[in-house]
Amino acid sequence: MALLGGGGTSGKCAYGEILRSAMQKLGEKVFEEVYDYLKRARHQNASETEIRECLEKVVPRASDCYEVDQLLYFEEQLLIAVGKEPPLQNPH
């Protein structure tokens, strides 16, 4: 997992708070598994139904992974801002 820093101070604070909260809620091992899966699924434009079904094999409720999805969104926005990579998802 490659966690990104950078951006404004408030962005760093929000990212760090979400990261800590997600790791505390899920535990480090599950967090890593969810993070890696969601990153792959978003790159492959998987359907929300497919994502939810896969996540529910790892955690009791897919909604427990919302913060991990937020982290990926922060990372995507940072990459777009610095022109490093295309977006993770198709905006359509």
PDB file of N, CA and C in Angstrom:
ATOM      1  N   MET A   1       0.853  -1.174   0.000  1.00  0.00           N
ATOM      2  CA  MET A   1       0.000   0.000   0.000  1.00  0.00           C
ATOM      3  C   MET A   1       0.889   1.223   0.000  1.00  0.00           C
ATOM      4  N   ALA A   2       0.624   2.145  -0.883  1.00  0.00           N
ATOM      5  CA  ALA A   2       1.398   3.382  -0.950  1.00  0.00           C
ATOM      6  C   ALA A   2       0.517   4.536  -0.504  1.00  0.00           C
ATOM      7  N   LEU A   3       0.692   4.972   0.722  1.00  0.00           N
ATOM      8  CA  LEU A   3      -0.097   6.089   1.224  1.00  0.00           C
ATOM      9  C   LEU A   3       0.587   7.375   0.856  1.00  0.00           C
ATOM     10  N   LEU A   4      -0.193   8.321   0.390  1.00  0.00           N
ATOM     11  CA  LEU A   4       0.355   9.570  -0.107  1.00  0.00           C
ATOM     12  C   LEU A   4       0.213  10.681   0.908  1.00  0.00           C
ATOM     13  N   GLY A   5       1.194  11.537   0.963  1.00  0.00           N
ATOM     14  CA  GLY A   5       1.122  12.748   1.761  1.00  0.00           C
ATOM     15  C   GLY A   5       0.986  13.907   0.798  1.00  0.00           C
ATOM     16  N   GLY A   6       1.327  15.074   1.251  1.00  0.00           N
ATOM     17  CA  GLY A   6       1.316  16.230   0.363  1.00  0.00           C
ATOM     18  C   GLY A   6       0.009  16.974   0.442  1.00  0.00           C
ATOM     19  N   GLY A   7      -0.064  18.033  -0.340  1.00  0.00           N
ATOM     20  CA  GLY A   7      -1.258  18.852  -0.339  1.00  0.00           C
ATOM     21  C   GLY A   7      -1.227  19.814   0.824  1.00  0.00           C
ATOM     22  N   GLY A   8      -2.337  20.470   1.049  1.00  0.00           N
ATOM     23  CA  GLY A   8      -2.423  21.447   2.120  1.00  0.00           C
ATOM     24  C   GLY A   8      -2.461  20.781   3.488  1.00  0.00           C
ATOM     25  N   THR A   9      -2.214  21.577   4.499  1.00  0.00           N
ATOM     26  CA  THR A   9      -2.209  21.066   5.866  1.00  0.00           C
ATOM     27  C   THR A   9      -3.551  20.470   6.243  1.00  0.00           C
ATOM     28  N   SER A  10      -4.657  21.133   5.891  1.00  0.00           N
ATOM     29  CA  SER A  10      -5.972  20.594   6.241  1.00  0.00           C
ATOM     30  C   SER A  10      -6.221  19.274   5.523  1.00  0.00           C
ATOM     31  N   GLY A  11      -5.754  19.148   4.292  1.00  0.00           N
ATOM     32  CA  GLY A  11      -5.879  17.880   3.563  1.00  0.00           C
ATOM     33  C   GLY A  11      -5.100  16.776   4.233  1.00  0.00           C
ATOM     34  N   LYS A  12      -3.884  17.097   4.694  1.00  0.00           N
ATOM     35  CA  LYS A  12      -3.060  16.111   5.394  1.00  0.00           C
ATOM     36  C   LYS A  12      -3.738  15.677   6.687  1.00  0.00           C
ATOM     37  N   CYS A  13      -4.284  16.656   7.429  1.00  0.00           N
ATOM     38  CA  CYS A  13      -4.960  16.350   8.693  1.00  0.00           C
ATOM     39  C   CYS A  13      -6.158  15.444   8.453  1.00  0.00           C
ATOM     40  N   ALA A  14      -6.994  15.790   7.495  1.00  0.00           N
ATOM     41  CA  ALA A  14      -8.181  14.995   7.199  1.00  0.00           C
ATOM     42  C   ALA A  14      -7.787  13.588   6.771  1.00  0.00           C
ATOM     43  N   TYR A  15      -6.783  13.488   5.911  1.00  0.00           N
ATOM     44  CA  TYR A  15      -6.318  12.187   5.436  1.00  0.00           C
ATOM     45  C   TYR A  15      -5.826  11.354   6.612  1.00  0.00           C
ATOM     46  N   GLY A  16      -4.998  11.958   7.452  1.00  0.00           N
ATOM     47  CA  GLY A  16      -4.448  11.244   8.600  1.00  0.00           C
ATOM     48  C   GLY A  16      -5.524  10.791   9.576  1.00  0.00           C
ATOM     49  N   GLU A  17      -6.510  11.640   9.812  1.00  0.00           N
ATOM     50  CA  GLU A  17      -7.602  11.284  10.720  1.00  0.00           C
ATOM     51  C   GLU A  17      -8.422  10.128  10.161  1.00  0.00           C
ATOM     52  N   ILE A  18      -8.707  10.178   8.877  1.00  0.00           N
ATOM     53  CA  ILE A  18      -9.482   9.101   8.248  1.00  0.00           C
ATOM     54  C   ILE A  18      -8.674   7.806   8.272  1.00  0.00           C
ATOM     55  N   LEU A  19      -7.379   7.905   7.980  1.00  0.00           N
ATOM     56  CA  LEU A  19      -6.509   6.720   7.997  1.00  0.00           C
ATOM     57  C   LEU A  19      -6.506   6.075   9.384  1.00  0.00           C
ATOM     58  N   ARG A  20      -6.283   6.869  10.418  1.00  0.00           N
ATOM     59  CA  ARG A  20      -6.262   6.343  11.789  1.00  0.00           C
ATOM     60  C   ARG A  20      -7.603   5.705  12.156  1.00  0.00           C
ATOM     61  N   SER A  21      -8.682   6.377  11.807  1.00  0.00           N
ATOM     62  CA  SER A  21     -10.010   5.867  12.125  1.00  0.00           C
ATOM     63  C   SER A  21     -10.277   4.538  11.416  1.00  0.00           C
ATOM     64  N   ALA A  22      -9.943   4.471  10.141  1.00  0.00           N
ATOM     65  CA  ALA A  22     -10.172   3.245   9.364  1.00  0.00           C
ATOM     66  C   ALA A  22      -9.337   2.091   9.901  1.00  0.00           C
ATOM     67  N   MET A  23      -8.075   2.373  10.229  1.00  0.00           N
ATOM     68  CA  MET A  23      -7.205   1.307  10.748  1.00  0.00           C
ATOM     69  C   MET A  23      -7.688   0.837  12.123  1.00  0.00           C
ATOM     70  N   GLN A  24      -8.176   1.766  12.938  1.00  0.00           N
ATOM     71  CA  GLN A  24      -8.681   1.401  14.257  1.00  0.00           C
ATOM     72  C   GLN A  24      -9.957   0.569  14.123  1.00  0.00           C
ATOM     73  N   LYS A  25     -10.835   0.972  13.218  1.00  0.00           N
ATOM     74  CA  LYS A  25     -12.114   0.281  13.033  1.00  0.00           C
ATOM     75  C   LYS A  25     -11.911  -1.125  12.460  1.00  0.00           C
ATOM     76  N   LEU A  26     -11.014  -1.251  11.469  1.00  0.00           N
ATOM     77  CA  LEU A  26     -10.872  -2.513  10.757  1.00  0.00           C
ATOM     78  C   LEU A  26      -9.738  -3.392  11.274  1.00  0.00           C
ATOM     79  N   GLY A  27      -8.754  -2.783  11.924  1.00  0.00           N
ATOM     80  CA  GLY A  27      -7.541  -3.524  12.270  1.00  0.00           C
ATOM     81  C   GLY A  27      -6.588  -3.456  11.091  1.00  0.00           C
ATOM     82  N   GLU A  28      -5.295  -3.529  11.368  1.00  0.00           N
ATOM     83  CA  GLU A  28      -4.297  -3.315  10.315  1.00  0.00           C
ATOM     84  C   GLU A  28      -4.392  -4.327   9.172  1.00  0.00           C
ATOM     85  N   LYS A  29      -4.533  -5.603   9.516  1.00  0.00           N
ATOM     86  CA  LYS A  29      -4.563  -6.641   8.477  1.00  0.00           C
ATOM     87  C   LYS A  29      -5.774  -6.483   7.558  1.00  0.00           C
ATOM     88  N   VAL A  30      -6.956  -6.299   8.137  1.00  0.00           N
ATOM     89  CA  VAL A  30      -8.178  -6.147   7.340  1.00  0.00           C
ATOM     90  C   VAL A  30      -8.120  -4.839   6.553  1.00  0.00           C
ATOM     91  N   PHE A  31      -7.602  -3.777   7.192  1.00  0.00           N
ATOM     92  CA  PHE A  31      -7.463  -2.499   6.487  1.00  0.00           C
ATOM     93  C   PHE A  31      -6.645  -2.690   5.211  1.00  0.00           C
ATOM     94  N   GLU A  32      -5.492  -3.343   5.330  1.00  0.00           N
ATOM     95  CA  GLU A  32      -4.622  -3.571   4.166  1.00  0.00           C
ATOM     96  C   GLU A  32      -5.352  -4.348   3.073  1.00  0.00           C
ATOM     97  N   GLU A  33      -6.085  -5.384   3.480  1.00  0.00           N
ATOM     98  CA  GLU A  33      -6.820  -6.208   2.512  1.00  0.00           C
ATOM     99  C   GLU A  33      -7.900  -5.385   1.805  1.00  0.00           C
ATOM    100  N   VAL A  34      -8.655  -4.608   2.574  1.00  0.00           N
ATOM    101  CA  VAL A  34      -9.717  -3.780   2.009  1.00  0.00           C
ATOM    102  C   VAL A  34      -9.136  -2.698   1.105  1.00  0.00           C
ATOM    103  N   TYR A  35      -8.076  -2.027   1.568  1.00  0.00           N
ATOM    104  CA  TYR A  35      -7.427  -0.971   0.792  1.00  0.00           C
ATOM    105  C   TYR A  35      -6.955  -1.513  -0.560  1.00  0.00           C
ATOM    106  N   ASP A  36      -6.229  -2.635  -0.525  1.00  0.00           N
ATOM    107  CA  ASP A  36      -5.713  -3.220  -1.772  1.00  0.00           C
ATOM    108  C   ASP A  36      -6.845  -3.636  -2.700  1.00  0.00           C
ATOM    109  N   TYR A  37      -7.882  -4.271  -2.128  1.00  0.00           N
ATOM    110  CA  TYR A  37      -9.007  -4.692  -2.960  1.00  0.00           C
ATOM    111  C   TYR A  37      -9.717  -3.498  -3.582  1.00  0.00           C
ATOM    112  N   LEU A  38     -10.052  -2.492  -2.765  1.00  0.00           N
ATOM    113  CA  LEU A  38     -10.780  -1.334  -3.294  1.00  0.00           C
ATOM    114  C   LEU A  38      -9.972  -0.597  -4.359  1.00  0.00           C
ATOM    115  N   LYS A  39      -8.675  -0.495  -4.160  1.00  0.00           N
ATOM    116  CA  LYS A  39      -7.845   0.190  -5.150  1.00  0.00           C
ATOM    117  C   LYS A  39      -7.914  -0.551  -6.491  1.00  0.00           C
ATOM    118  N   ARG A  40      -7.790  -1.869  -6.448  1.00  0.00           N
ATOM    119  CA  ARG A  40      -7.884  -2.676  -7.681  1.00  0.00           C
ATOM    120  C   ARG A  40      -9.274  -2.556  -8.292  1.00  0.00           C
ATOM    121  N   ALA A  41     -10.304  -2.690  -7.454  1.00  0.00           N
ATOM    122  CA  ALA A  41     -11.684  -2.660  -7.955  1.00  0.00           C
ATOM    123  C   ALA A  41     -12.006  -1.325  -8.610  1.00  0.00           C
ATOM    124  N   ARG A  42     -11.544  -0.226  -8.015  1.00  0.00           N
ATOM    125  CA  ARG A  42     -11.796   1.098  -8.593  1.00  0.00           C
ATOM    126  C   ARG A  42     -11.051   1.276  -9.908  1.00  0.00           C
ATOM    127  N   HIS A  43      -9.831   0.760  -9.997  1.00  0.00           N
ATOM    128  CA  HIS A  43      -9.079   0.832 -11.265  1.00  0.00           C
ATOM    129  C   HIS A  43      -9.788   0.050 -12.362  1.00  0.00           C
ATOM    130  N   GLN A  44     -10.455  -1.035 -11.982  1.00  0.00           N
ATOM    131  CA  GLN A  44     -11.121  -1.903 -12.957  1.00  0.00           C
ATOM    132  C   GLN A  44     -12.581  -1.521 -13.167  1.00  0.00           C
ATOM    133  N   ASN A  45     -13.006  -0.411 -12.549  1.00  0.00           N
ATOM    134  CA  ASN A  45     -14.391   0.053 -12.665  1.00  0.00           C
ATOM    135  C   ASN A  45     -15.409  -1.031 -12.310  1.00  0.00           C
ATOM    136  N   ALA A  46     -15.144  -1.760 -11.228  1.00  0.00           N
ATOM    137  CA  ALA A  46     -16.077  -2.788 -10.762  1.00  0.00           C
ATOM    138  C   ALA A  46     -17.387  -2.133 -10.342  1.00  0.00           C
ATOM    139  N   SER A  47     -18.464  -2.882 -10.451  1.00  0.00           N
ATOM    140  CA  SER A  47     -19.774  -2.353 -10.050  1.00  0.00           C
ATOM    141  C   SER A  47     -19.845  -2.245  -8.529  1.00  0.00           C
ATOM    142  N   GLU A  48     -20.702  -1.348  -8.060  1.00  0.00           N
ATOM    143  CA  GLU A  48     -20.871  -1.186  -6.612  1.00  0.00           C
ATOM    144  C   GLU A  48     -21.398  -2.474  -5.973  1.00  0.00           C
ATOM    145  N   THR A  49     -22.240  -3.190  -6.689  1.00  0.00           N
ATOM    146  CA  THR A  49     -22.775  -4.461  -6.178  1.00  0.00           C
ATOM    147  C   THR A  49     -21.648  -5.466  -6.000  1.00  0.00           C
ATOM    148  N   GLU A  50     -20.790  -5.590  -6.999  1.00  0.00           N
ATOM    149  CA  GLU A  50     -19.655  -6.518  -6.923  1.00  0.00           C
ATOM    150  C   GLU A  50     -18.727  -6.137  -5.764  1.00  0.00           C
ATOM    151  N   ILE A  51     -18.454  -4.850  -5.632  1.00  0.00           N
ATOM    152  CA  ILE A  51     -17.575  -4.378  -4.561  1.00  0.00           C
ATOM    153  C   ILE A  51     -18.184  -4.702  -3.203  1.00  0.00           C
ATOM    154  N   ARG A  52     -19.461  -4.386  -3.018  1.00  0.00           N
ATOM    155  CA  ARG A  52     -20.130  -4.649  -1.743  1.00  0.00           C
ATOM    156  C   ARG A  52     -20.090  -6.140  -1.408  1.00  0.00           C
ATOM    157  N   GLU A  53     -20.381  -6.991  -2.397  1.00  0.00           N
ATOM    158  CA  GLU A  53     -20.386  -8.438  -2.154  1.00  0.00           C
ATOM    159  C   GLU A  53     -19.001  -8.937  -1.745  1.00  0.00           C
ATOM    160  N   CYS A  54     -17.974  -8.451  -2.394  1.00  0.00           N
ATOM    161  CA  CYS A  54     -16.607  -8.868  -2.056  1.00  0.00           C
ATOM    162  C   CYS A  54     -16.198  -8.363  -0.679  1.00  0.00           C
ATOM    163  N   LEU A  55     -16.537  -7.115  -0.371  1.00  0.00           N
ATOM    164  CA  LEU A  55     -16.175  -6.559   0.935  1.00  0.00           C
ATOM    165  C   LEU A  55     -16.886  -7.288   2.066  1.00  0.00           C
ATOM    166  N   GLU A  56     -18.116  -7.705   1.837  1.00  0.00           N
ATOM    167  CA  GLU A  56     -18.873  -8.383   2.885  1.00  0.00           C
ATOM    168  C   GLU A  56     -18.342  -9.789   3.171  1.00  0.00           C
ATOM    169  N   LYS A  57     -17.419 -10.272   2.364  1.00  0.00           N
ATOM    170  CA  LYS A  57     -16.722 -11.523   2.664  1.00  0.00           C
ATOM    171  C   LYS A  57     -15.586 -11.281   3.658  1.00  0.00           C
ATOM    172  N   VAL A  58     -15.180 -10.004   3.786  1.00  0.00           N
ATOM    173  CA  VAL A  58     -14.045  -9.644   4.637  1.00  0.00           C
ATOM    174  C   VAL A  58     -14.501  -8.963   5.926  1.00  0.00           C
ATOM    175  N   VAL A  59     -15.542  -8.140   5.827  1.00  0.00           N
ATOM    176  CA  VAL A  59     -16.052  -7.387   6.982  1.00  0.00           C
ATOM    177  C   VAL A  59     -17.555  -7.648   7.118  1.00  0.00           C
ATOM    178  N   PRO A  60     -18.108  -7.492   8.322  1.00  0.00           N
ATOM    179  CA  PRO A  60     -19.553  -7.753   8.504  1.00  0.00           C
ATOM    180  C   PRO A  60     -20.445  -6.854   7.648  1.00  0.00           C
ATOM    181  N   ARG A  61     -20.055  -5.582   7.512  1.00  0.00           N
ATOM    182  CA  ARG A  61     -20.851  -4.634   6.720  1.00  0.00           C
ATOM    183  C   ARG A  61     -19.909  -3.884   5.782  1.00  0.00           C
ATOM    184  N   ALA A  62     -20.254  -3.850   4.517  1.00  0.00           N
ATOM    185  CA  ALA A  62     -19.432  -3.127   3.540  1.00  0.00           C
ATOM    186  C   ALA A  62     -19.307  -1.657   3.913  1.00  0.00           C
ATOM    187  N   SER A  63     -20.312  -1.103   4.584  1.00  0.00           N
ATOM    188  CA  SER A  63     -20.262   0.307   4.976  1.00  0.00           C
ATOM    189  C   SER A  63     -19.113   0.596   5.939  1.00  0.00           C
ATOM    190  N   ASP A  64     -18.584  -0.435   6.603  1.00  0.00           N
ATOM    191  CA  ASP A  64     -17.425  -0.258   7.479  1.00  0.00           C
ATOM    192  C   ASP A  64     -16.184   0.162   6.685  1.00  0.00           C
ATOM    193  N   CYS A  65     -16.232   0.004   5.378  1.00  0.00           N
ATOM    194  CA  CYS A  65     -15.083   0.305   4.520  1.00  0.00           C
ATOM    195  C   CYS A  65     -15.171   1.684   3.877  1.00  0.00           C
ATOM    196  N   TYR A  66     -16.177   2.452   4.237  1.00  0.00           N
ATOM    197  CA  TYR A  66     -16.379   3.770   3.637  1.00  0.00           C
ATOM    198  C   TYR A  66     -15.150   4.661   3.789  1.00  0.00           C
ATOM    199  N   GLU A  67     -14.529   4.638   4.949  1.00  0.00           N
ATOM    200  CA  GLU A  67     -13.367   5.497   5.169  1.00  0.00           C
ATOM    201  C   GLU A  67     -12.197   5.102   4.266  1.00  0.00           C
ATOM    202  N   VAL A  68     -12.055   3.822   3.988  1.00  0.00           N
ATOM    203  CA  VAL A  68     -10.987   3.383   3.084  1.00  0.00           C
ATOM    204  C   VAL A  68     -11.271   3.936   1.689  1.00  0.00           C
ATOM    205  N   ASP A  69     -12.522   3.914   1.283  1.00  0.00           N
ATOM    206  CA  ASP A  69     -12.899   4.486  -0.006  1.00  0.00           C
ATOM    207  C   ASP A  69     -12.592   5.990  -0.035  1.00  0.00           C
ATOM    208  N   GLN A  70     -12.818   6.678   1.097  1.00  0.00           N
ATOM    209  CA  GLN A  70     -12.484   8.100   1.184  1.00  0.00           C
ATOM    210  C   GLN A  70     -10.983   8.326   1.014  1.00  0.00           C
ATOM    211  N   LEU A  71     -10.168   7.472   1.607  1.00  0.00           N
ATOM    212  CA  LEU A  71      -8.716   7.594   1.462  1.00  0.00           C
ATOM    213  C   LEU A  71      -8.308   7.472  -0.001  1.00  0.00           C
ATOM    214  N   LEU A  72      -8.893   6.507  -0.681  1.00  0.00           N
ATOM    215  CA  LEU A  72      -8.577   6.325  -2.104  1.00  0.00           C
ATOM    216  C   LEU A  72      -9.008   7.540  -2.912  1.00  0.00           C
ATOM    217  N   TYR A  73     -10.132   8.140  -2.536  1.00  0.00           N
ATOM    218  CA  TYR A  73     -10.590   9.344  -3.218  1.00  0.00           C
ATOM    219  C   TYR A  73      -9.594  10.490  -2.997  1.00  0.00           C
ATOM    220  N   PHE A  74      -9.139  10.667  -1.748  1.00  0.00           N
ATOM    221  CA  PHE A  74      -8.124  11.693  -1.460  1.00  0.00           C
ATOM    222  C   PHE A  74      -6.886  11.471  -2.318  1.00  0.00           C
ATOM    223  N   GLU A  75      -6.433  10.230  -2.379  1.00  0.00           N
ATOM    224  CA  GLU A  75      -5.236   9.908  -3.165  1.00  0.00           C
ATOM    225  C   GLU A  75      -5.456  10.209  -4.634  1.00  0.00           C
ATOM    226  N   GLU A  76      -6.628   9.847  -5.146  1.00  0.00           N
ATOM    227  CA  GLU A  76      -6.958  10.114  -6.546  1.00  0.00           C
ATOM    228  C   GLU A  76      -6.908  11.609  -6.836  1.00  0.00           C
ATOM    229  N   GLN A  77      -7.500  12.404  -5.949  1.00  0.00           N
ATOM    230  CA  GLN A  77      -7.522  13.853  -6.151  1.00  0.00           C
ATOM    231  C   GLN A  77      -6.118  14.441  -6.112  1.00  0.00           C
ATOM    232  N   LEU A  78      -5.274  13.940  -5.225  1.00  0.00           N
ATOM    233  CA  LEU A  78      -3.891  14.402  -5.150  1.00  0.00           C
ATOM    234  C   LEU A  78      -3.148  14.076  -6.443  1.00  0.00           C
ATOM    235  N   LEU A  79      -3.322  12.865  -6.946  1.00  0.00           N
ATOM    236  CA  LEU A  79      -2.651  12.471  -8.184  1.00  0.00           C
ATOM    237  C   LEU A  79      -3.113  13.318  -9.363  1.00  0.00           C
ATOM    238  N   ILE A  80      -4.397  13.604  -9.414  1.00  0.00           N
ATOM    239  CA  ILE A  80      -4.925  14.451 -10.483  1.00  0.00           C
ATOM    240  C   ILE A  80      -4.319  15.845 -10.373  1.00  0.00           C
ATOM    241  N   ALA A  81      -4.252  16.365  -9.148  1.00  0.00           N
ATOM    242  CA  ALA A  81      -3.739  17.721  -8.920  1.00  0.00           C
ATOM    243  C   ALA A  81      -2.279  17.863  -9.355  1.00  0.00           C
ATOM    244  N   VAL A  82      -1.493  16.815  -9.149  1.00  0.00           N
ATOM    245  CA  VAL A  82      -0.071  16.899  -9.515  1.00  0.00           C
ATOM    246  C   VAL A  82       0.195  16.298 -10.890  1.00  0.00           C
ATOM    247  N   GLY A  83      -0.857  15.819 -11.554  1.00  0.00           N
ATOM    248  CA  GLY A  83      -0.734  15.310 -12.913  1.00  0.00           C
ATOM    249  C   GLY A  83       0.073  14.030 -13.031  1.00  0.00           C
ATOM    250  N   LYS A  84       0.027  13.180 -12.004  1.00  0.00           N
ATOM    251  CA  LYS A  84       0.828  11.952 -12.007  1.00  0.00           C
ATOM    252  C   LYS A  84       0.137  10.767 -12.662  1.00  0.00           C
ATOM    253  N   GLU A  85      -1.155  10.661 -12.520  1.00  0.00           N
ATOM    254  CA  GLU A  85      -1.880   9.469 -12.944  1.00  0.00           C
ATOM    255  C   GLU A  85      -3.291   9.836 -13.351  1.00  0.00           C
ATOM    256  N   PRO A  86      -3.913   9.056 -14.223  1.00  0.00           N
ATOM    257  CA  PRO A  86      -5.325   9.299 -14.529  1.00  0.00           C
ATOM    258  C   PRO A  86      -6.188   8.925 -13.332  1.00  0.00           C
ATOM    259  N   PRO A  87      -7.444   9.377 -13.305  1.00  0.00           N
ATOM    260  CA  PRO A  87      -8.349   9.042 -12.200  1.00  0.00           C
ATOM    261  C   PRO A  87      -8.529   7.544 -12.046  1.00  0.00           C
ATOM    262  N   LEU A  88      -8.869   7.099 -10.829  1.00  0.00           N
ATOM    263  CA  LEU A  88      -9.113   5.695 -10.557  1.00  0.00           C
ATOM    264  C   LEU A  88     -10.407   5.216 -11.189  1.00  0.00           C
ATOM    265  N   GLN A  89     -11.391   6.094 -11.288  1.00  0.00           N
ATOM    266  CA  GLN A  89     -12.704   5.699 -11.784  1.00  0.00           C
ATOM    267  C   GLN A  89     -13.080   6.525 -12.998  1.00  0.00           C
ATOM    268  N   ASN A  90     -13.919   5.932 -13.818  1.00  0.00           N
ATOM    269  CA  ASN A  90     -14.539   6.676 -14.901  1.00  0.00           C
ATOM    270  C   ASN A  90     -15.627   7.528 -14.288  1.00  0.00           C
ATOM    271  N   PRO A  91     -15.661   8.846 -14.560  1.00  0.00           N
ATOM    272  CA  PRO A  91     -16.640   9.717 -13.904  1.00  0.00           C
ATOM    273  C   PRO A  91     -18.081   9.484 -14.353  1.00  0.00           C
ATOM    274  N   HIS A  92     -18.340   8.603 -15.290  1.00  0.00           N
ATOM    275  CA  HIS A  92     -19.702   8.374 -15.784  1.00  0.00           C
ATOM    276  C   HIS A  92     -20.421   7.358 -14.968  1.00  0.00           C
TER     277      HIS A  92
END
